[in-house]
Amino acid sequence: MIKSWPYPRVAAHRGGGTLAPENTLAGLHTGASLGHKMVEFDAKLSVDNVAFLLHDDSVNRTSSGHGAAASMRYAELAALDAGSWRDARFAGEPMPTLAQVAACCRELGL
């Protein structure tokens, strides 16, 4: 048994759970606003080798686009709406790059 667990006991799944669109900056902000100190997210590579957040292999479920994410340039991915599927107030939320997420996590203390 570990005597001292150095990590938070609760993590925000894909950012903000079901309260915000998963794997987005809005999701990270939502999780942080609830007091989460740790976040779990998923990263993929675009065809032009940009690391960005997305759980699925396709963009169909969580964006306004269709098709395999790995076959798209990041500019195409960034232009998709990755928020409206969760709630209209997240309309226009993009799929962020891993670099944007790292900066956001530092800013939020995640």
PDB file of N, CA and C in Angstrom:
ATOM      1  N   MET A   1       0.843  -1.188   0.000  1.00  0.00           N
ATOM      2  CA  MET A   1       0.000   0.000   0.000  1.00  0.00           C
ATOM      3  C   MET A   1       0.886   1.249   0.000  1.00  0.00           C
ATOM      4  N   ILE A   2       0.518   2.216  -0.838  1.00  0.00           N
ATOM      5  CA  ILE A   2       1.255   3.474  -0.911  1.00  0.00           C
ATOM      6  C   ILE A   2       0.871   4.345   0.285  1.00  0.00           C
ATOM      7  N   LYS A   3       1.894   4.757   1.043  1.00  0.00           N
ATOM      8  CA  LYS A   3       1.626   5.570   2.230  1.00  0.00           C
ATOM      9  C   LYS A   3       1.252   7.001   1.878  1.00  0.00           C
ATOM     10  N   SER A   4       1.903   7.543   0.870  1.00  0.00           N
ATOM     11  CA  SER A   4       1.642   8.929   0.494  1.00  0.00           C
ATOM     12  C   SER A   4       1.375   9.014  -1.002  1.00  0.00           C
ATOM     13  N   TRP A   5       0.144   9.245  -1.373  1.00  0.00           N
ATOM     14  CA  TRP A   5      -0.239   9.365  -2.772  1.00  0.00           C
ATOM     15  C   TRP A   5      -0.013  10.814  -3.188  1.00  0.00           C
ATOM     16  N   PRO A   6       0.961  11.089  -4.067  1.00  0.00           N
ATOM     17  CA  PRO A   6       1.311  12.473  -4.395  1.00  0.00           C
ATOM     18  C   PRO A   6       0.399  13.140  -5.419  1.00  0.00           C
ATOM     19  N   TYR A   7      -0.573  12.398  -5.965  1.00  0.00           N
ATOM     20  CA  TYR A   7      -1.401  12.927  -7.034  1.00  0.00           C
ATOM     21  C   TYR A   7      -2.819  13.217  -6.543  1.00  0.00           C
ATOM     22  N   PRO A   8      -3.540  14.078  -7.235  1.00  0.00           N
ATOM     23  CA  PRO A   8      -4.936  14.326  -6.856  1.00  0.00           C
ATOM     24  C   PRO A   8      -5.747  13.034  -6.908  1.00  0.00           C
ATOM     25  N   ARG A   9      -6.708  12.924  -6.039  1.00  0.00           N
ATOM     26  CA  ARG A   9      -7.540  11.722  -5.992  1.00  0.00           C
ATOM     27  C   ARG A   9      -8.694  11.776  -7.003  1.00  0.00           C
ATOM     28  N   VAL A  10      -8.988  12.962  -7.518  1.00  0.00           N
ATOM     29  CA  VAL A  10     -10.056  13.127  -8.499  1.00  0.00           C
ATOM     30  C   VAL A  10      -9.486  13.840  -9.714  1.00  0.00           C
ATOM     31  N   ALA A  11      -9.759  13.308 -10.888  1.00  0.00           N
ATOM     32  CA  ALA A  11      -9.301  13.921 -12.144  1.00  0.00           C
ATOM     33  C   ALA A  11     -10.508  14.228 -13.020  1.00  0.00           C
ATOM     34  N   ALA A  12     -10.393  15.276 -13.799  1.00  0.00           N
ATOM     35  CA  ALA A  12     -11.457  15.634 -14.733  1.00  0.00           C
ATOM     36  C   ALA A  12     -11.282  14.800 -16.003  1.00  0.00           C
ATOM     37  N   HIS A  13     -12.227  13.909 -16.271  1.00  0.00           N
ATOM     38  CA  HIS A  13     -12.146  13.030 -17.429  1.00  0.00           C
ATOM     39  C   HIS A  13     -12.371  13.826 -18.705  1.00  0.00           C
ATOM     40  N   ARG A  14     -11.371  13.806 -19.592  1.00  0.00           N
ATOM     41  CA  ARG A  14     -11.399  14.535 -20.858  1.00  0.00           C
ATOM     42  C   ARG A  14     -11.675  16.023 -20.659  1.00  0.00           C
ATOM     43  N   GLY A  15     -11.349  16.542 -19.505  1.00  0.00           N
ATOM     44  CA  GLY A  15     -11.451  17.971 -19.242  1.00  0.00           C
ATOM     45  C   GLY A  15     -12.506  18.315 -18.228  1.00  0.00           C
ATOM     46  N   GLY A  16     -13.751  18.231 -18.589  1.00  0.00           N
ATOM     47  CA  GLY A  16     -14.828  18.622 -17.693  1.00  0.00           C
ATOM     48  C   GLY A  16     -15.922  17.594 -17.568  1.00  0.00           C
ATOM     49  N   GLY A  17     -15.595  16.366 -17.872  1.00  0.00           N
ATOM     50  CA  GLY A  17     -16.605  15.312 -17.786  1.00  0.00           C
ATOM     51  C   GLY A  17     -17.724  15.566 -18.771  1.00  0.00           C
ATOM     52  N   THR A  18     -18.965  15.447 -18.336  1.00  0.00           N
ATOM     53  CA  THR A  18     -20.103  15.668 -19.222  1.00  0.00           C
ATOM     54  C   THR A  18     -20.626  17.096 -19.161  1.00  0.00           C
ATOM     55  N   LEU A  19     -19.931  17.975 -18.430  1.00  0.00           N
ATOM     56  CA  LEU A  19     -20.391  19.352 -18.285  1.00  0.00           C
ATOM     57  C   LEU A  19     -19.912  20.269 -19.396  1.00  0.00           C
ATOM     58  N   ALA A  20     -18.963  19.819 -20.183  1.00  0.00           N
ATOM     59  CA  ALA A  20     -18.411  20.614 -21.280  1.00  0.00           C
ATOM     60  C   ALA A  20     -17.956  19.659 -22.372  1.00  0.00           C
ATOM     61  N   PRO A  21     -17.747  20.175 -23.580  1.00  0.00           N
ATOM     62  CA  PRO A  21     -17.283  19.278 -24.636  1.00  0.00           C
ATOM     63  C   PRO A  21     -15.915  18.692 -24.301  1.00  0.00           C
ATOM     64  N   GLU A  22     -15.789  17.394 -24.480  1.00  0.00           N
ATOM     65  CA  GLU A  22     -14.559  16.702 -24.103  1.00  0.00           C
ATOM     66  C   GLU A  22     -13.372  17.149 -24.938  1.00  0.00           C
ATOM     67  N   ASN A  23     -12.207  17.092 -24.319  1.00  0.00           N
ATOM     68  CA  ASN A  23     -10.939  17.389 -24.987  1.00  0.00           C
ATOM     69  C   ASN A  23     -10.911  18.784 -25.625  1.00  0.00           C
ATOM     70  N   THR A  24     -11.451  19.769 -24.909  1.00  0.00           N
ATOM     71  CA  THR A  24     -11.437  21.159 -25.374  1.00  0.00           C
ATOM     72  C   THR A  24     -10.920  22.059 -24.260  1.00  0.00           C
ATOM     73  N   LEU A  25     -10.555  23.273 -24.605  1.00  0.00           N
ATOM     74  CA  LEU A  25     -10.144  24.241 -23.590  1.00  0.00           C
ATOM     75  C   LEU A  25     -11.319  24.573 -22.672  1.00  0.00           C
ATOM     76  N   ALA A  26     -12.525  24.596 -23.221  1.00  0.00           N
ATOM     77  CA  ALA A  26     -13.716  24.826 -22.386  1.00  0.00           C
ATOM     78  C   ALA A  26     -13.847  23.720 -21.344  1.00  0.00           C
ATOM     79  N   GLY A  27     -13.538  22.498 -21.743  1.00  0.00           N
ATOM     80  CA  GLY A  27     -13.570  21.380 -20.804  1.00  0.00           C
ATOM     81  C   GLY A  27     -12.546  21.541 -19.696  1.00  0.00           C
ATOM     82  N   LEU A  28     -11.339  21.977 -20.050  1.00  0.00           N
ATOM     83  CA  LEU A  28     -10.303  22.200 -19.032  1.00  0.00           C
ATOM     84  C   LEU A  28     -10.722  23.289 -18.058  1.00  0.00           C
ATOM     85  N   HIS A  29     -11.266  24.378 -18.584  1.00  0.00           N
ATOM     86  CA  HIS A  29     -11.719  25.479 -17.719  1.00  0.00           C
ATOM     87  C   HIS A  29     -12.861  25.029 -16.811  1.00  0.00           C
ATOM     88  N   THR A  30     -13.762  24.210 -17.342  1.00  0.00           N
ATOM     89  CA  THR A  30     -14.870  23.704 -16.532  1.00  0.00           C
ATOM     90  C   THR A  30     -14.350  22.840 -15.395  1.00  0.00           C
ATOM     91  N   GLY A  31     -13.471  21.900 -15.703  1.00  0.00           N
ATOM     92  CA  GLY A  31     -12.900  21.050 -14.654  1.00  0.00           C
ATOM     93  C   GLY A  31     -12.175  21.860 -13.602  1.00  0.00           C
ATOM     94  N   ALA A  32     -11.383  22.833 -14.022  1.00  0.00           N
ATOM     95  CA  ALA A  32     -10.645  23.673 -13.076  1.00  0.00           C
ATOM     96  C   ALA A  32     -11.600  24.495 -12.209  1.00  0.00           C
ATOM     97  N   SER A  33     -12.700  24.965 -12.798  1.00  0.00           N
ATOM     98  CA  SER A  33     -13.658  25.766 -12.025  1.00  0.00           C
ATOM     99  C   SER A  33     -14.331  24.949 -10.927  1.00  0.00           C
ATOM    100  N   LEU A  34     -14.329  23.634 -11.092  1.00  0.00           N
ATOM    101  CA  LEU A  34     -14.912  22.746 -10.091  1.00  0.00           C
ATOM    102  C   LEU A  34     -13.885  22.285  -9.057  1.00  0.00           C
ATOM    103  N   GLY A  35     -12.663  22.798  -9.188  1.00  0.00           N
ATOM    104  CA  GLY A  35     -11.632  22.463  -8.212  1.00  0.00           C
ATOM    105  C   GLY A  35     -10.728  21.307  -8.589  1.00  0.00           C
ATOM    106  N   HIS A  36     -10.906  20.756  -9.784  1.00  0.00           N
ATOM    107  CA  HIS A  36     -10.020  19.661 -10.190  1.00  0.00           C
ATOM    108  C   HIS A  36      -8.597  20.171 -10.341  1.00  0.00           C
ATOM    109  N   LYS A  37      -7.653  19.359  -9.959  1.00  0.00           N
ATOM    110  CA  LYS A  37      -6.234  19.708 -10.056  1.00  0.00           C
ATOM    111  C   LYS A  37      -5.505  18.833 -11.070  1.00  0.00           C
ATOM    112  N   MET A  38      -6.230  17.856 -11.606  1.00  0.00           N
ATOM    113  CA  MET A  38      -5.628  16.954 -12.583  1.00  0.00           C
ATOM    114  C   MET A  38      -6.652  16.695 -13.689  1.00  0.00           C
ATOM    115  N   VAL A  39      -6.166  16.544 -14.913  1.00  0.00           N
ATOM    116  CA  VAL A  39      -7.047  16.311 -16.041  1.00  0.00           C
ATOM    117  C   VAL A  39      -6.490  15.173 -16.891  1.00  0.00           C
ATOM    118  N   GLU A  40      -7.392  14.425 -17.490  1.00  0.00           N
ATOM    119  CA  GLU A  40      -7.035  13.367 -18.429  1.00  0.00           C
ATOM    120  C   GLU A  40      -7.584  13.799 -19.773  1.00  0.00           C
ATOM    121  N   PHE A  41      -6.796  13.625 -20.820  1.00  0.00           N
ATOM    122  CA  PHE A  41      -7.290  13.939 -22.154  1.00  0.00           C
ATOM    123  C   PHE A  41      -6.611  13.031 -23.165  1.00  0.00           C
ATOM    124  N   ASP A  42      -7.079  13.105 -24.400  1.00  0.00           N
ATOM    125  CA  ASP A  42      -6.588  12.248 -25.467  1.00  0.00           C
ATOM    126  C   ASP A  42      -5.974  13.105 -26.561  1.00  0.00           C
ATOM    127  N   ALA A  43      -4.855  12.662 -27.112  1.00  0.00           N
ATOM    128  CA  ALA A  43      -4.192  13.409 -28.182  1.00  0.00           C
ATOM    129  C   ALA A  43      -4.015  12.528 -29.413  1.00  0.00           C
ATOM    130  N   LYS A  44      -4.104  13.147 -30.557  1.00  0.00           N
ATOM    131  CA  LYS A  44      -3.916  12.495 -31.861  1.00  0.00           C
ATOM    132  C   LYS A  44      -2.966  13.359 -32.690  1.00  0.00           C
ATOM    133  N   LEU A  45      -2.510  12.812 -33.816  1.00  0.00           N
ATOM    134  CA  LEU A  45      -1.689  13.567 -34.764  1.00  0.00           C
ATOM    135  C   LEU A  45      -2.478  13.805 -36.039  1.00  0.00           C
ATOM    136  N   SER A  46      -2.439  15.054 -36.507  1.00  0.00           N
ATOM    137  CA  SER A  46      -3.045  15.374 -37.801  1.00  0.00           C
ATOM    138  C   SER A  46      -2.106  14.892 -38.901  1.00  0.00           C
ATOM    139  N   VAL A  47      -2.567  14.924 -40.138  1.00  0.00           N
ATOM    140  CA  VAL A  47      -1.755  14.476 -41.260  1.00  0.00           C
ATOM    141  C   VAL A  47      -0.493  15.329 -41.413  1.00  0.00           C
ATOM    142  N   ASP A  48      -0.544  16.581 -40.953  1.00  0.00           N
ATOM    143  CA  ASP A  48       0.630  17.451 -41.009  1.00  0.00           C
ATOM    144  C   ASP A  48       1.401  17.473 -39.686  1.00  0.00           C
ATOM    145  N   ASN A  49       1.212  16.420 -38.892  1.00  0.00           N
ATOM    146  CA  ASN A  49       1.976  16.173 -37.660  1.00  0.00           C
ATOM    147  C   ASN A  49       1.799  17.208 -36.559  1.00  0.00           C
ATOM    148  N   VAL A  50       0.582  17.712 -36.403  1.00  0.00           N
ATOM    149  CA  VAL A  50       0.259  18.593 -35.285  1.00  0.00           C
ATOM    150  C   VAL A  50      -0.478  17.750 -34.250  1.00  0.00           C
ATOM    151  N   ALA A  51       0.008  17.748 -33.020  1.00  0.00           N
ATOM    152  CA  ALA A  51      -0.671  17.030 -31.937  1.00  0.00           C
ATOM    153  C   ALA A  51      -1.854  17.882 -31.471  1.00  0.00           C
ATOM    154  N   PHE A  52      -3.025  17.258 -31.414  1.00  0.00           N
ATOM    155  CA  PHE A  52      -4.239  17.968 -31.016  1.00  0.00           C
ATOM    156  C   PHE A  52      -5.105  17.028 -30.181  1.00  0.00           C
ATOM    157  N   LEU A  53      -6.111  17.585 -29.498  1.00  0.00           N
ATOM    158  CA  LEU A  53      -6.947  16.766 -28.645  1.00  0.00           C
ATOM    159  C   LEU A  53      -8.159  16.214 -29.366  1.00  0.00           C
ATOM    160  N   LEU A  54      -8.341  14.901 -29.240  1.00  0.00           N
ATOM    161  CA  LEU A  54      -9.496  14.183 -29.769  1.00  0.00           C
ATOM    162  C   LEU A  54      -9.424  12.761 -29.220  1.00  0.00           C
ATOM    163  N   HIS A  55     -10.553  12.212 -28.820  1.00  0.00           N
ATOM    164  CA  HIS A  55     -10.574  10.837 -28.317  1.00  0.00           C
ATOM    165  C   HIS A  55     -10.733   9.820 -29.442  1.00  0.00           C
ATOM    166  N   ASP A  56     -11.690  10.043 -30.304  1.00  0.00           N
ATOM    167  CA  ASP A  56     -12.026   9.076 -31.351  1.00  0.00           C
ATOM    168  C   ASP A  56     -11.045   9.152 -32.520  1.00  0.00           C
ATOM    169  N   ASP A  57     -11.071   8.156 -33.366  1.00  0.00           N
ATOM    170  CA  ASP A  57     -10.251   8.186 -34.577  1.00  0.00           C
ATOM    171  C   ASP A  57     -10.867   9.078 -35.654  1.00  0.00           C
ATOM    172  N   SER A  58     -12.190   9.254 -35.589  1.00  0.00           N
ATOM    173  CA  SER A  58     -12.861  10.139 -36.547  1.00  0.00           C
ATOM    174  C   SER A  58     -13.388  11.364 -35.801  1.00  0.00           C
ATOM    175  N   VAL A  59     -13.724  12.383 -36.565  1.00  0.00           N
ATOM    176  CA  VAL A  59     -14.251  13.618 -35.976  1.00  0.00           C
ATOM    177  C   VAL A  59     -15.781  13.606 -35.924  1.00  0.00           C
ATOM    178  N   ASN A  60     -16.398  12.531 -36.354  1.00  0.00           N
ATOM    179  CA  ASN A  60     -17.852  12.451 -36.506  1.00  0.00           C
ATOM    180  C   ASN A  60     -18.633  12.716 -35.221  1.00  0.00           C
ATOM    181  N   ARG A  61     -18.274  12.078 -34.134  1.00  0.00           N
ATOM    182  CA  ARG A  61     -19.080  12.135 -32.906  1.00  0.00           C
ATOM    183  C   ARG A  61     -19.000  13.480 -32.198  1.00  0.00           C
ATOM    184  N   THR A  62     -17.830  14.099 -32.178  1.00  0.00           N
ATOM    185  CA  THR A  62     -17.640  15.276 -31.325  1.00  0.00           C
ATOM    186  C   THR A  62     -17.329  16.555 -32.093  1.00  0.00           C
ATOM    187  N   SER A  63     -17.707  16.609 -33.361  1.00  0.00           N
ATOM    188  CA  SER A  63     -17.487  17.851 -34.096  1.00  0.00           C
ATOM    189  C   SER A  63     -18.486  17.975 -35.237  1.00  0.00           C
ATOM    190  N   SER A  64     -18.406  19.088 -35.923  1.00  0.00           N
ATOM    191  CA  SER A  64     -19.278  19.326 -37.073  1.00  0.00           C
ATOM    192  C   SER A  64     -18.742  18.667 -38.340  1.00  0.00           C
ATOM    193  N   GLY A  65     -17.610  17.995 -38.254  1.00  0.00           N
ATOM    194  CA  GLY A  65     -16.996  17.373 -39.425  1.00  0.00           C
ATOM    195  C   GLY A  65     -17.273  15.900 -39.539  1.00  0.00           C
ATOM    196  N   HIS A  66     -16.729  15.327 -40.600  1.00  0.00           N
ATOM    197  CA  HIS A  66     -16.860  13.889 -40.855  1.00  0.00           C
ATOM    198  C   HIS A  66     -15.547  13.382 -41.422  1.00  0.00           C
ATOM    199  N   GLY A  67     -15.163  12.194 -40.999  1.00  0.00           N
ATOM    200  CA  GLY A  67     -13.978  11.563 -41.553  1.00  0.00           C
ATOM    201  C   GLY A  67     -12.914  11.262 -40.529  1.00  0.00           C
ATOM    202  N   ALA A  68     -11.874  10.624 -41.010  1.00  0.00           N
ATOM    203  CA  ALA A  68     -10.751  10.223 -40.160  1.00  0.00           C
ATOM    204  C   ALA A  68      -9.885  11.438 -39.828  1.00  0.00           C
ATOM    205  N   ALA A  69      -9.664  11.671 -38.568  1.00  0.00           N
ATOM    206  CA  ALA A  69      -8.867  12.818 -38.131  1.00  0.00           C
ATOM    207  C   ALA A  69      -7.443  12.741 -38.647  1.00  0.00           C
ATOM    208  N   ALA A  70      -6.884  11.538 -38.718  1.00  0.00           N
ATOM    209  CA  ALA A  70      -5.492  11.362 -39.146  1.00  0.00           C
ATOM    210  C   ALA A  70      -5.270  11.735 -40.605  1.00  0.00           C
ATOM    211  N   SER A  71      -6.350  11.883 -41.372  1.00  0.00           N
ATOM    212  CA  SER A  71      -6.214  12.250 -42.782  1.00  0.00           C
ATOM    213  C   SER A  71      -6.431  13.748 -43.017  1.00  0.00           C
ATOM    214  N   MET A  72      -6.618  14.503 -41.933  1.00  0.00           N
ATOM    215  CA  MET A  72      -6.902  15.937 -42.056  1.00  0.00           C
ATOM    216  C   MET A  72      -5.722  16.779 -41.592  1.00  0.00           C
ATOM    217  N   ARG A  73      -5.547  17.925 -42.230  1.00  0.00           N
ATOM    218  CA  ARG A  73      -4.545  18.904 -41.782  1.00  0.00           C
ATOM    219  C   ARG A  73      -5.106  19.586 -40.532  1.00  0.00           C
ATOM    220  N   TYR A  74      -4.202  20.084 -39.680  1.00  0.00           N
ATOM    221  CA  TYR A  74      -4.704  20.704 -38.453  1.00  0.00           C
ATOM    222  C   TYR A  74      -5.585  21.918 -38.743  1.00  0.00           C
ATOM    223  N   ALA A  75      -5.278  22.686 -39.768  1.00  0.00           N
ATOM    224  CA  ALA A  75      -6.116  23.848 -40.098  1.00  0.00           C
ATOM    225  C   ALA A  75      -7.566  23.425 -40.358  1.00  0.00           C
ATOM    226  N   GLU A  76      -7.762  22.278 -40.983  1.00  0.00           N
ATOM    227  CA  GLU A  76      -9.112  21.751 -41.220  1.00  0.00           C
ATOM    228  C   GLU A  76      -9.777  21.378 -39.899  1.00  0.00           C
ATOM    229  N   LEU A  77      -9.018  20.717 -39.039  1.00  0.00           N
ATOM    230  CA  LEU A  77      -9.540  20.290 -37.740  1.00  0.00           C
ATOM    231  C   LEU A  77      -9.898  21.490 -36.868  1.00  0.00           C
ATOM    232  N   ALA A  78      -9.036  22.497 -36.866  1.00  0.00           N
ATOM    233  CA  ALA A  78      -9.258  23.686 -36.041  1.00  0.00           C
ATOM    234  C   ALA A  78     -10.491  24.462 -36.486  1.00  0.00           C
ATOM    235  N   ALA A  79     -10.877  24.314 -37.746  1.00  0.00           N
ATOM    236  CA  ALA A  79     -12.045  25.030 -38.266  1.00  0.00           C
ATOM    237  C   ALA A  79     -13.367  24.350 -37.899  1.00  0.00           C
ATOM    238  N   LEU A  80     -13.309  23.116 -37.400  1.00  0.00           N
ATOM    239  CA  LEU A  80     -14.527  22.402 -37.033  1.00  0.00           C
ATOM    240  C   LEU A  80     -15.081  22.911 -35.703  1.00  0.00           C
ATOM    241  N   ASP A  81     -16.377  22.784 -35.541  1.00  0.00           N
ATOM    242  CA  ASP A  81     -17.042  23.121 -34.279  1.00  0.00           C
ATOM    243  C   ASP A  81     -17.027  21.872 -33.403  1.00  0.00           C
ATOM    244  N   ALA A  82     -16.246  21.909 -32.345  1.00  0.00           N
ATOM    245  CA  ALA A  82     -16.134  20.761 -31.435  1.00  0.00           C
ATOM    246  C   ALA A  82     -16.898  20.985 -30.138  1.00  0.00           C
ATOM    247  N   GLY A  83     -17.823  21.961 -30.132  1.00  0.00           N
ATOM    248  CA  GLY A  83     -18.542  22.262 -28.903  1.00  0.00           C
ATOM    249  C   GLY A  83     -20.043  22.104 -28.962  1.00  0.00           C
ATOM    250  N   SER A  84     -20.639  22.391 -30.096  1.00  0.00           N
ATOM    251  CA  SER A  84     -22.103  22.394 -30.197  1.00  0.00           C
ATOM    252  C   SER A  84     -22.748  21.059 -29.884  1.00  0.00           C
ATOM    253  N   TRP A  85     -22.049  19.959 -30.147  1.00  0.00           N
ATOM    254  CA  TRP A  85     -22.625  18.638 -29.877  1.00  0.00           C
ATOM    255  C   TRP A  85     -22.939  18.471 -28.391  1.00  0.00           C
ATOM    256  N   ARG A  86     -22.200  19.165 -27.526  1.00  0.00           N
ATOM    257  CA  ARG A  86     -22.436  19.068 -26.086  1.00  0.00           C
ATOM    258  C   ARG A  86     -23.519  20.057 -25.646  1.00  0.00           C
ATOM    259  N   ASP A  87     -23.415  21.304 -26.129  1.00  0.00           N
ATOM    260  CA  ASP A  87     -24.375  22.334 -25.734  1.00  0.00           C
ATOM    261  C   ASP A  87     -24.153  23.554 -26.626  1.00  0.00           C
ATOM    262  N   ALA A  88     -25.224  24.245 -26.972  1.00  0.00           N
ATOM    263  CA  ALA A  88     -25.140  25.407 -27.860  1.00  0.00           C
ATOM    264  C   ALA A  88     -24.224  26.500 -27.310  1.00  0.00           C
ATOM    265  N   ARG A  89     -24.089  26.590 -25.988  1.00  0.00           N
ATOM    266  CA  ARG A  89     -23.218  27.648 -25.435  1.00  0.00           C
ATOM    267  C   ARG A  89     -21.739  27.398 -25.720  1.00  0.00           C
ATOM    268  N   PHE A  90     -21.394  26.204 -26.202  1.00  0.00           N
ATOM    269  CA  PHE A  90     -20.016  25.892 -26.566  1.00  0.00           C
ATOM    270  C   PHE A  90     -19.790  25.935 -28.082  1.00  0.00           C
ATOM    271  N   ALA A  91     -20.743  26.507 -28.807  1.00  0.00           N
ATOM    272  CA  ALA A  91     -20.636  26.587 -30.273  1.00  0.00           C
ATOM    273  C   ALA A  91     -19.334  27.261 -30.677  1.00  0.00           C
ATOM    274  N   GLY A  92     -18.674  26.667 -31.658  1.00  0.00           N
ATOM    275  CA  GLY A  92     -17.433  27.233 -32.168  1.00  0.00           C
ATOM    276  C   GLY A  92     -16.184  26.817 -31.429  1.00  0.00           C
ATOM    277  N   GLU A  93     -16.319  26.029 -30.378  1.00  0.00           N
ATOM    278  CA  GLU A  93     -15.150  25.566 -29.617  1.00  0.00           C
ATOM    279  C   GLU A  93     -14.285  24.693 -30.523  1.00  0.00           C
ATOM    280  N   PRO A  94     -13.006  25.022 -30.671  1.00  0.00           N
ATOM    281  CA  PRO A  94     -12.144  24.234 -31.564  1.00  0.00           C
ATOM    282  C   PRO A  94     -11.502  23.039 -30.862  1.00  0.00           C
ATOM    283  N   MET A  95     -10.909  22.173 -31.660  1.00  0.00           N
ATOM    284  CA  MET A  95     -10.054  21.110 -31.135  1.00  0.00           C
ATOM    285  C   MET A  95      -8.685  21.757 -30.920  1.00  0.00           C
ATOM    286  N   PRO A  96      -8.240  21.892 -29.672  1.00  0.00           N
ATOM    287  CA  PRO A  96      -6.978  22.597 -29.427  1.00  0.00           C
ATOM    288  C   PRO A  96      -5.750  21.733 -29.707  1.00  0.00           C
ATOM    289  N   THR A  97      -4.641  22.405 -29.939  1.00  0.00           N
ATOM    290  CA  THR A  97      -3.373  21.690 -30.074  1.00  0.00           C
ATOM    291  C   THR A  97      -2.889  21.280 -28.691  1.00  0.00           C
ATOM    292  N   LEU A  98      -2.007  20.313 -28.665  1.00  0.00           N
ATOM    293  CA  LEU A  98      -1.421  19.888 -27.400  1.00  0.00           C
ATOM    294  C   LEU A  98      -0.647  21.044 -26.770  1.00  0.00           C
ATOM    295  N   ALA A  99      -0.006  21.874 -27.582  1.00  0.00           N
ATOM    296  CA  ALA A  99       0.714  23.042 -27.054  1.00  0.00           C
ATOM    297  C   ALA A  99      -0.249  24.023 -26.391  1.00  0.00           C
ATOM    298  N   GLN A 100      -1.414  24.256 -26.995  1.00  0.00           N
ATOM    299  CA  GLN A 100      -2.407  25.142 -26.381  1.00  0.00           C
ATOM    300  C   GLN A 100      -2.908  24.567 -25.060  1.00  0.00           C
ATOM    301  N   VAL A 101      -3.088  23.269 -25.027  1.00  0.00           N
ATOM    302  CA  VAL A 101      -3.569  22.604 -23.815  1.00  0.00           C
ATOM    303  C   VAL A 101      -2.516  22.678 -22.714  1.00  0.00           C
ATOM    304  N   ALA A 102      -1.252  22.473 -23.061  1.00  0.00           N
ATOM    305  CA  ALA A 102      -0.183  22.572 -22.067  1.00  0.00           C
ATOM    306  C   ALA A 102      -0.141  23.959 -21.453  1.00  0.00           C
ATOM    307  N   ALA A 103      -0.279  24.991 -22.272  1.00  0.00           N
ATOM    308  CA  ALA A 103      -0.286  26.370 -21.763  1.00  0.00           C
ATOM    309  C   ALA A 103      -1.505  26.604 -20.870  1.00  0.00           C
ATOM    310  N   CYS A 104      -2.657  26.095 -21.269  1.00  0.00           N
ATOM    311  CA  CYS A 104      -3.873  26.240 -20.477  1.00  0.00           C
ATOM    312  C   CYS A 104      -3.737  25.518 -19.129  1.00  0.00           C
ATOM    313  N   CYS A 105      -3.171  24.321 -19.151  1.00  0.00           N
ATOM    314  CA  CYS A 105      -2.981  23.563 -17.900  1.00  0.00           C
ATOM    315  C   CYS A 105      -2.054  24.316 -16.953  1.00  0.00           C
ATOM    316  N   ARG A 106      -0.992  24.905 -17.506  1.00  0.00           N
ATOM    317  CA  ARG A 106      -0.083  25.687 -16.644  1.00  0.00           C
ATOM    318  C   ARG A 106      -0.826  26.883 -16.047  1.00  0.00           C
ATOM    319  N   GLU A 107      -1.612  27.566 -16.880  1.00  0.00           N
ATOM    320  CA  GLU A 107      -2.350  28.738 -16.444  1.00  0.00           C
ATOM    321  C   GLU A 107      -3.365  28.385 -15.343  1.00  0.00           C
ATOM    322  N   LEU A 108      -4.008  27.232 -15.477  1.00  0.00           N
ATOM    323  CA  LEU A 108      -5.050  26.811 -14.536  1.00  0.00           C
ATOM    324  C   LEU A 108      -4.510  26.015 -13.352  1.00  0.00           C
ATOM    325  N   GLY A 109      -3.230  25.703 -13.354  1.00  0.00           N
ATOM    326  CA  GLY A 109      -2.653  24.919 -12.261  1.00  0.00           C
ATOM    327  C   GLY A 109      -3.045  23.462 -12.309  1.00  0.00           C
ATOM    328  N   LEU A 110      -3.286  22.940 -13.502  1.00  0.00           N
ATOM    329  CA  LEU A 110      -3.658  21.523 -13.654  1.00  0.00           C
ATOM    330  C   LEU A 110      -2.417  20.692 -13.899  1.00  0.00           C
TER     331      LEU A 110
END
